[in-house]
Amino acid sequence: MGMFLSVLVIIVVIMFFWMIGWGIFWFLVQSGVVVQKALEPPTTDTRDYSLDQGREVRGEDS
């Protein structure tokens, strides 16, 4: 019984540290994605607007 308990404790400790490590890894990955998106240049507006819809645009028909 003592050997089984010590093996179980070792497995639980390994799983605990594995979960902590995975959480830290996931946090770093998510932080990297946020930082990468923040470093991208902003979208530039060309101010080239058109209403090319193939039909006339009117208000609602009453």
N, C-alpha and C. Protein backbone atom coordinates (compact mmCIF):
# COMPACT_ATOMS: atom_id res chain seq x y z
N MET A 1 0.84 -1.21 0.00
CA MET A 1 0.00 0.00 0.00
C MET A 1 0.87 1.25 0.00
N GLY A 2 1.99 1.23 0.72
CA GLY A 2 2.86 2.40 0.81
C GLY A 2 3.50 2.75 -0.52
N MET A 3 3.89 1.71 -1.29
CA MET A 3 4.50 1.96 -2.60
C MET A 3 3.49 2.56 -3.56
N PHE A 4 2.26 2.03 -3.54
CA PHE A 4 1.21 2.55 -4.41
C PHE A 4 0.92 4.02 -4.09
N LEU A 5 0.88 4.35 -2.82
CA LEU A 5 0.60 5.73 -2.40
C LEU A 5 1.72 6.68 -2.84
N SER A 6 2.98 6.24 -2.71
CA SER A 6 4.09 7.11 -3.10
C SER A 6 4.11 7.31 -4.63
N VAL A 7 3.80 6.26 -5.39
CA VAL A 7 3.72 6.40 -6.85
C VAL A 7 2.59 7.35 -7.21
N LEU A 8 1.46 7.23 -6.53
CA LEU A 8 0.33 8.12 -6.79
C LEU A 8 0.68 9.57 -6.49
N VAL A 9 1.39 9.80 -5.38
CA VAL A 9 1.80 11.17 -5.02
C VAL A 9 2.76 11.72 -6.08
N ILE A 10 3.68 10.90 -6.55
CA ILE A 10 4.63 11.35 -7.59
C ILE A 10 3.88 11.71 -8.86
N ILE A 11 2.90 10.91 -9.26
CA ILE A 11 2.11 11.20 -10.46
C ILE A 11 1.34 12.50 -10.29
N VAL A 12 0.75 12.70 -9.12
CA VAL A 12 -0.01 13.93 -8.87
C VAL A 12 0.91 15.15 -8.91
N VAL A 13 2.10 15.03 -8.34
CA VAL A 13 3.04 16.16 -8.35
C VAL A 13 3.49 16.47 -9.77
N ILE A 14 3.77 15.42 -10.56
CA ILE A 14 4.17 15.63 -11.96
C ILE A 14 3.04 16.30 -12.74
N MET A 15 1.81 15.85 -12.55
CA MET A 15 0.67 16.45 -13.25
C MET A 15 0.48 17.91 -12.83
N PHE A 16 0.68 18.19 -11.54
CA PHE A 16 0.54 19.56 -11.05
C PHE A 16 1.54 20.48 -11.74
N PHE A 17 2.81 20.07 -11.78
CA PHE A 17 3.82 20.91 -12.42
C PHE A 17 3.62 20.99 -13.92
N TRP A 18 3.11 19.91 -14.54
CA TRP A 18 2.82 19.93 -15.96
C TRP A 18 1.71 20.94 -16.26
N MET A 19 0.69 20.97 -15.43
CA MET A 19 -0.41 21.92 -15.64
C MET A 19 0.06 23.36 -15.44
N ILE A 20 0.90 23.58 -14.43
CA ILE A 20 1.45 24.93 -14.21
C ILE A 20 2.29 25.35 -15.42
N GLY A 21 3.13 24.45 -15.90
CA GLY A 21 3.96 24.75 -17.07
C GLY A 21 3.13 25.02 -18.31
N TRP A 22 2.08 24.23 -18.51
CA TRP A 22 1.21 24.43 -19.67
C TRP A 22 0.49 25.78 -19.57
N GLY A 23 0.05 26.14 -18.37
CA GLY A 23 -0.61 27.43 -18.18
C GLY A 23 0.32 28.59 -18.47
N ILE A 24 1.57 28.49 -18.03
CA ILE A 24 2.55 29.55 -18.30
C ILE A 24 2.82 29.62 -19.80
N PHE A 25 2.98 28.46 -20.45
CA PHE A 25 3.22 28.43 -21.90
C PHE A 25 2.05 29.07 -22.64
N TRP A 26 0.82 28.73 -22.28
CA TRP A 26 -0.36 29.27 -22.96
C TRP A 26 -0.46 30.78 -22.75
N PHE A 27 -0.15 31.24 -21.54
CA PHE A 27 -0.16 32.67 -21.26
C PHE A 27 0.86 33.40 -22.14
N LEU A 28 2.05 32.83 -22.28
CA LEU A 28 3.08 33.47 -23.10
C LEU A 28 2.68 33.48 -24.57
N VAL A 29 2.04 32.42 -25.04
CA VAL A 29 1.59 32.40 -26.43
C VAL A 29 0.54 33.48 -26.66
N GLN A 30 -0.43 33.57 -25.77
CA GLN A 30 -1.48 34.57 -25.92
C GLN A 30 -0.91 35.99 -25.82
N SER A 31 0.04 36.21 -24.93
CA SER A 31 0.67 37.53 -24.81
C SER A 31 1.42 37.87 -26.08
N GLY A 32 2.09 36.88 -26.67
CA GLY A 32 2.81 37.11 -27.92
C GLY A 32 1.89 37.50 -29.04
N VAL A 33 0.71 36.89 -29.12
CA VAL A 33 -0.25 37.23 -30.16
C VAL A 33 -0.74 38.66 -29.98
N VAL A 34 -1.02 39.04 -28.75
CA VAL A 34 -1.50 40.40 -28.48
C VAL A 34 -0.42 41.42 -28.83
N VAL A 35 0.81 41.14 -28.43
CA VAL A 35 1.90 42.07 -28.71
C VAL A 35 2.14 42.16 -30.22
N GLN A 36 2.09 41.04 -30.91
CA GLN A 36 2.29 41.05 -32.36
C GLN A 36 1.22 41.88 -33.06
N LYS A 37 -0.04 41.74 -32.64
CA LYS A 37 -1.12 42.53 -33.24
C LYS A 37 -0.95 44.01 -32.90
N ALA A 38 -0.48 44.31 -31.70
CA ALA A 38 -0.30 45.71 -31.31
C ALA A 38 0.83 46.37 -32.10
N LEU A 39 1.81 45.60 -32.53
CA LEU A 39 2.94 46.16 -33.25
C LEU A 39 2.67 46.34 -34.74
N GLU A 40 1.56 45.79 -35.23
CA GLU A 40 1.22 45.97 -36.64
C GLU A 40 0.89 47.44 -36.91
N PRO A 41 1.26 47.93 -38.10
CA PRO A 41 0.94 49.33 -38.41
C PRO A 41 -0.57 49.50 -38.53
N PRO A 42 -1.07 50.68 -38.18
CA PRO A 42 -2.51 50.90 -38.27
C PRO A 42 -2.98 50.90 -39.73
N THR A 43 -4.24 50.59 -39.92
CA THR A 43 -4.82 50.60 -41.25
C THR A 43 -4.92 52.04 -41.75
N THR A 44 -4.49 52.27 -42.97
CA THR A 44 -4.57 53.63 -43.52
C THR A 44 -5.85 53.76 -44.34
N ASP A 45 -6.50 54.89 -44.18
CA ASP A 45 -7.74 55.17 -44.88
C ASP A 45 -7.42 55.92 -46.16
N THR A 46 -7.80 55.36 -47.30
CA THR A 46 -7.51 56.01 -48.59
C THR A 46 -8.58 57.02 -48.97
N ARG A 47 -9.66 57.04 -48.25
CA ARG A 47 -10.78 57.96 -48.50
C ARG A 47 -11.29 57.85 -49.93
N ASP A 48 -11.35 56.65 -50.44
CA ASP A 48 -11.85 56.40 -51.78
C ASP A 48 -13.16 55.63 -51.63
N TYR A 49 -14.22 56.38 -51.36
CA TYR A 49 -15.52 55.77 -51.10
C TYR A 49 -16.38 55.83 -52.36
N SER A 50 -17.14 54.77 -52.61
CA SER A 50 -18.07 54.79 -53.74
C SER A 50 -19.27 53.93 -53.39
N LEU A 51 -20.37 54.22 -54.06
CA LEU A 51 -21.59 53.42 -53.91
C LEU A 51 -21.84 52.68 -55.21
N ASP A 52 -21.00 51.73 -55.51
CA ASP A 52 -21.10 50.97 -56.74
C ASP A 52 -21.98 49.76 -56.48
N GLN A 53 -23.31 49.97 -56.50
CA GLN A 53 -24.24 48.90 -56.16
C GLN A 53 -25.04 48.44 -57.38
N GLY A 54 -24.90 49.10 -58.50
CA GLY A 54 -25.62 48.70 -59.69
C GLY A 54 -27.07 49.16 -59.70
N ARG A 55 -27.48 49.98 -58.77
CA ARG A 55 -28.86 50.51 -58.75
C ARG A 55 -28.83 51.84 -58.01
N GLU A 56 -29.90 52.58 -58.18
CA GLU A 56 -29.99 53.88 -57.54
C GLU A 56 -30.30 53.70 -56.05
N VAL A 57 -29.69 54.53 -55.24
CA VAL A 57 -29.93 54.47 -53.81
C VAL A 57 -30.93 55.55 -53.46
N ARG A 58 -32.07 55.16 -52.87
CA ARG A 58 -33.12 56.10 -52.48
C ARG A 58 -33.52 55.84 -51.03
N GLY A 59 -34.34 56.76 -50.54
CA GLY A 59 -34.91 56.57 -49.22
C GLY A 59 -36.01 55.51 -49.27
N GLU A 60 -36.60 55.22 -48.13
CA GLU A 60 -37.67 54.22 -48.09
C GLU A 60 -38.88 54.70 -48.89
N ASP A 61 -39.52 53.79 -49.59
CA ASP A 61 -40.75 54.12 -50.32
C ASP A 61 -41.90 54.21 -49.33
N SER A 62 -42.65 55.31 -49.43
CA SER A 62 -43.76 55.50 -48.48
C SER A 62 -45.07 55.07 -49.09
